[in-house]
PDB file of N, CA and C in Angstrom:
ATOM      1  N   MET A   1       0.826  -1.207   0.000  1.00  0.00           N
ATOM      2  CA  MET A   1       0.000   0.000   0.000  1.00  0.00           C
ATOM      3  C   MET A   1       0.865   1.263   0.000  1.00  0.00           C
ATOM      4  N   LYS A   2       1.885   1.273   0.855  1.00  0.00           N
ATOM      5  CA  LYS A   2       2.768   2.454   0.921  1.00  0.00           C
ATOM      6  C   LYS A   2       3.458   2.703  -0.419  1.00  0.00           C
ATOM      7  N   ARG A   3       3.830   1.611  -1.079  1.00  0.00           N
ATOM      8  CA  ARG A   3       4.511   1.743  -2.367  1.00  0.00           C
ATOM      9  C   ARG A   3       3.594   2.408  -3.397  1.00  0.00           C
ATOM     10  N   LYS A   4       2.312   2.029  -3.362  1.00  0.00           N
ATOM     11  CA  LYS A   4       1.339   2.602  -4.299  1.00  0.00           C
ATOM     12  C   LYS A   4       1.185   4.101  -4.054  1.00  0.00           C
ATOM     13  N   VAL A   5       1.107   4.493  -2.787  1.00  0.00           N
ATOM     14  CA  VAL A   5       0.969   5.907  -2.433  1.00  0.00           C
ATOM     15  C   VAL A   5       2.201   6.687  -2.887  1.00  0.00           C
ATOM     16  N   ALA A   6       3.384   6.112  -2.666  1.00  0.00           N
ATOM     17  CA  ALA A   6       4.629   6.771  -3.067  1.00  0.00           C
ATOM     18  C   ALA A   6       4.672   6.957  -4.582  1.00  0.00           C
ATOM     19  N   LEU A   7       4.208   5.939  -5.303  1.00  0.00           N
ATOM     20  CA  LEU A   7       4.193   6.007  -6.767  1.00  0.00           C
ATOM     21  C   LEU A   7       3.249   7.107  -7.244  1.00  0.00           C
ATOM     22  N   LEU A   8       2.064   7.173  -6.621  1.00  0.00           N
ATOM     23  CA  LEU A   8       1.098   8.213  -6.987  1.00  0.00           C
ATOM     24  C   LEU A   8       1.655   9.602  -6.697  1.00  0.00           C
ATOM     25  N   LEU A   9       2.336   9.749  -5.574  1.00  0.00           N
ATOM     26  CA  LEU A   9       2.932  11.043  -5.217  1.00  0.00           C
ATOM     27  C   LEU A   9       4.009  11.428  -6.224  1.00  0.00           C
ATOM     28  N   ALA A  10       4.818  10.453  -6.628  1.00  0.00           N
ATOM     29  CA  ALA A  10       5.886  10.715  -7.595  1.00  0.00           C
ATOM     30  C   ALA A  10       5.305  11.166  -8.929  1.00  0.00           C
ATOM     31  N   ILE A  11       4.284  10.444  -9.404  1.00  0.00           N
ATOM     32  CA  ILE A  11       3.641  10.795 -10.674  1.00  0.00           C
ATOM     33  C   ILE A  11       3.007  12.180 -10.574  1.00  0.00           C
ATOM     34  N   GLY A  12       2.343  12.434  -9.442  1.00  0.00           N
ATOM     35  CA  GLY A  12       1.702  13.727  -9.233  1.00  0.00           C
ATOM     36  C   GLY A  12       2.688  14.878  -9.268  1.00  0.00           C
ATOM     37  N   SER A  13       3.837  14.681  -8.628  1.00  0.00           N
ATOM     38  CA  SER A  13       4.838  15.750  -8.580  1.00  0.00           C
ATOM     39  C   SER A  13       5.452  15.996  -9.959  1.00  0.00           C
ATOM     40  N   ILE A  14       5.625  14.920 -10.729  1.00  0.00           N
ATOM     41  CA  ILE A  14       6.169  15.061 -12.086  1.00  0.00           C
ATOM     42  C   ILE A  14       5.185  15.844 -12.958  1.00  0.00           C
ATOM     43  N   VAL A  15       3.901  15.485 -12.853  1.00  0.00           N
ATOM     44  CA  VAL A  15       2.863  16.179 -13.629  1.00  0.00           C
ATOM     45  C   VAL A  15       2.825  17.658 -13.252  1.00  0.00           C
ATOM     46  N   LEU A  16       2.900  17.933 -11.942  1.00  0.00           N
ATOM     47  CA  LEU A  16       2.894  19.322 -11.473  1.00  0.00           C
ATOM     48  C   LEU A  16       4.096  20.084 -12.023  1.00  0.00           C
ATOM     49  N   ALA A  17       5.265  19.444 -12.015  1.00  0.00           N
ATOM     50  CA  ALA A  17       6.482  20.091 -12.505  1.00  0.00           C
ATOM     51  C   ALA A  17       6.357  20.430 -13.991  1.00  0.00           C
ATOM     52  N   VAL A  18       5.822  19.483 -14.763  1.00  0.00           N
ATOM     53  CA  VAL A  18       5.646  19.703 -16.203  1.00  0.00           C
ATOM     54  C   VAL A  18       4.642  20.824 -16.454  1.00  0.00           C
ATOM     55  N   GLU A  19       3.529  20.800 -15.712  1.00  0.00           N
ATOM     56  CA  GLU A  19       2.503  21.840 -15.853  1.00  0.00           C
ATOM     57  C   GLU A  19       3.075  23.214 -15.500  1.00  0.00           C
ATOM     58  N   ALA A  20       3.823  23.275 -14.396  1.00  0.00           N
ATOM     59  CA  ALA A  20       4.405  24.539 -13.947  1.00  0.00           C
ATOM     60  C   ALA A  20       5.386  25.075 -14.988  1.00  0.00           C
ATOM     61  N   ARG A  21       6.207  24.172 -15.543  1.00  0.00           N
ATOM     62  CA  ARG A  21       7.184  24.585 -16.545  1.00  0.00           C
ATOM     63  C   ARG A  21       6.485  25.119 -17.799  1.00  0.00           C
ATOM     64  N   ALA A  22       5.430  24.416 -18.223  1.00  0.00           N
ATOM     65  CA  ALA A  22       4.680  24.856 -19.404  1.00  0.00           C
ATOM     66  C   ALA A  22       4.058  26.227 -19.159  1.00  0.00           C
ATOM     67  N   TRP A  23       3.531  26.432 -17.936  1.00  0.00           N
ATOM     68  CA  TRP A  23       2.909  27.714 -17.590  1.00  0.00           C
ATOM     69  C   TRP A  23       3.953  28.826 -17.580  1.00  0.00           C
ATOM     70  N   VAL A  24       5.127  28.527 -17.033  1.00  0.00           N
ATOM     71  CA  VAL A  24       6.208  29.521 -16.973  1.00  0.00           C
ATOM     72  C   VAL A  24       6.650  29.900 -18.384  1.00  0.00           C
ATOM     73  N   MET A  25       6.796  28.916 -19.250  1.00  0.00           N
ATOM     74  CA  MET A  25       7.216  29.186 -20.627  1.00  0.00           C
ATOM     75  C   MET A  25       6.165  30.030 -21.351  1.00  0.00           C
ATOM     76  N   GLN A  26       4.882  29.728 -21.099  1.00  0.00           N
ATOM     77  CA  GLN A  26       3.786  30.472 -21.714  1.00  0.00           C
ATOM     78  C   GLN A  26       3.797  31.920 -21.229  1.00  0.00           C
ATOM     79  N   THR A  27       4.000  32.092 -19.924  1.00  0.00           N
ATOM     80  CA  THR A  27       4.027  33.427 -19.337  1.00  0.00           C
ATOM     81  C   THR A  27       5.251  34.198 -19.841  1.00  0.00           C
ATOM     82  N   ALA A  28       6.378  33.502 -19.940  1.00  0.00           N
ATOM     83  CA  ALA A  28       7.618  34.143 -20.374  1.00  0.00           C
ATOM     84  C   ALA A  28       7.502  34.632 -21.819  1.00  0.00           C
ATOM     85  N   SER A  29       6.854  33.846 -22.667  1.00  0.00           N
ATOM     86  CA  SER A  29       6.716  34.244 -24.071  1.00  0.00           C
ATOM     87  C   SER A  29       5.803  35.461 -24.208  1.00  0.00           C
ATOM     88  N   ALA A  30       4.921  35.659 -23.219  1.00  0.00           N
ATOM     89  CA  ALA A  30       4.032  36.819 -23.234  1.00  0.00           C
ATOM     90  C   ALA A  30       4.789  38.086 -22.834  1.00  0.00           C
ATOM     91  N   HIS A  31       5.835  37.925 -22.022  1.00  0.00           N
ATOM     92  CA  HIS A  31       6.641  39.063 -21.577  1.00  0.00           C
ATOM     93  C   HIS A  31       7.995  39.025 -22.289  1.00  0.00           C
ATOM     94  N   SER A  32       8.182  39.916 -23.244  1.00  0.00           N
ATOM     95  CA  SER A  32       9.408  39.913 -24.036  1.00  0.00           C
ATOM     96  C   SER A  32      10.645  40.203 -23.190  1.00  0.00           C
ATOM     97  N   SER A  33      10.467  40.864 -22.043  1.00  0.00           N
ATOM     98  CA  SER A  33      11.604  41.194 -21.187  1.00  0.00           C
ATOM     99  C   SER A  33      12.138  39.956 -20.471  1.00  0.00           C
ATOM    100  N   ILE A  34      11.247  38.969 -20.230  1.00  0.00           N
ATOM    101  CA  ILE A  34      11.658  37.747 -19.537  1.00  0.00           C
ATOM    102  C   ILE A  34      12.195  36.723 -20.543  1.00  0.00           C
ATOM    103  N   GLU A  35      11.719  36.794 -21.773  1.00  0.00           N
ATOM    104  CA  GLU A  35      12.067  35.802 -22.786  1.00  0.00           C
ATOM    105  C   GLU A  35      13.575  35.578 -22.958  1.00  0.00           C
ATOM    106  N   PRO A  36      14.406  36.626 -23.069  1.00  0.00           N
ATOM    107  CA  PRO A  36      15.852  36.399 -23.204  1.00  0.00           C
ATOM    108  C   PRO A  36      16.447  35.628 -22.031  1.00  0.00           C
ATOM    109  N   LEU A  37      15.925  35.863 -20.832  1.00  0.00           N
ATOM    110  CA  LEU A  37      16.421  35.166 -19.648  1.00  0.00           C
ATOM    111  C   LEU A  37      16.155  33.677 -19.751  1.00  0.00           C
ATOM    112  N   THR A  38      14.931  33.298 -20.135  1.00  0.00           N
ATOM    113  CA  THR A  38      14.584  31.886 -20.232  1.00  0.00           C
ATOM    114  C   THR A  38      15.373  31.213 -21.350  1.00  0.00           C
ATOM    115  N   HIS A  39      15.605  31.928 -22.441  1.00  0.00           N
ATOM    116  CA  HIS A  39      16.390  31.361 -23.533  1.00  0.00           C
ATOM    117  C   HIS A  39      17.841  31.172 -23.099  1.00  0.00           C
ATOM    118  N   GLY A  40      18.358  32.104 -22.316  1.00  0.00           N
ATOM    119  CA  GLY A  40      19.725  32.003 -21.818  1.00  0.00           C
ATOM    120  C   GLY A  40      19.893  30.822 -20.881  1.00  0.00           C
ATOM    121  N   ILE A  41      18.905  30.611 -20.009  1.00  0.00           N
ATOM    122  CA  ILE A  41      18.951  29.486 -19.074  1.00  0.00           C
ATOM    123  C   ILE A  41      18.832  28.172 -19.839  1.00  0.00           C
ATOM    124  N   GLY A  42      17.946  28.136 -20.831  1.00  0.00           N
ATOM    125  CA  GLY A  42      17.728  26.913 -21.599  1.00  0.00           C
ATOM    126  C   GLY A  42      18.941  26.527 -22.431  1.00  0.00           C
ATOM    127  N   ALA A  43      19.730  27.514 -22.848  1.00  0.00           N
ATOM    128  CA  ALA A  43      20.898  27.248 -23.686  1.00  0.00           C
ATOM    129  C   ALA A  43      22.028  26.597 -22.901  1.00  0.00           C
ATOM    130  N   GLU A  44      22.072  26.862 -21.596  1.00  0.00           N
ATOM    131  CA  GLU A  44      23.167  26.338 -20.785  1.00  0.00           C
ATOM    132  C   GLU A  44      23.013  24.868 -20.448  1.00  0.00           C
TER     133      GLU A  44
END
């Protein structure tokens, strides 16, 4: 049972991370001042 809960938590956190990243990228593309920063971080 504990293993199942841990697995669900892991999947949930991964989904949250992906969603958050997608939201950040969407927000960054809307703000041209932030866009160069995200591109610089992504290039490294």
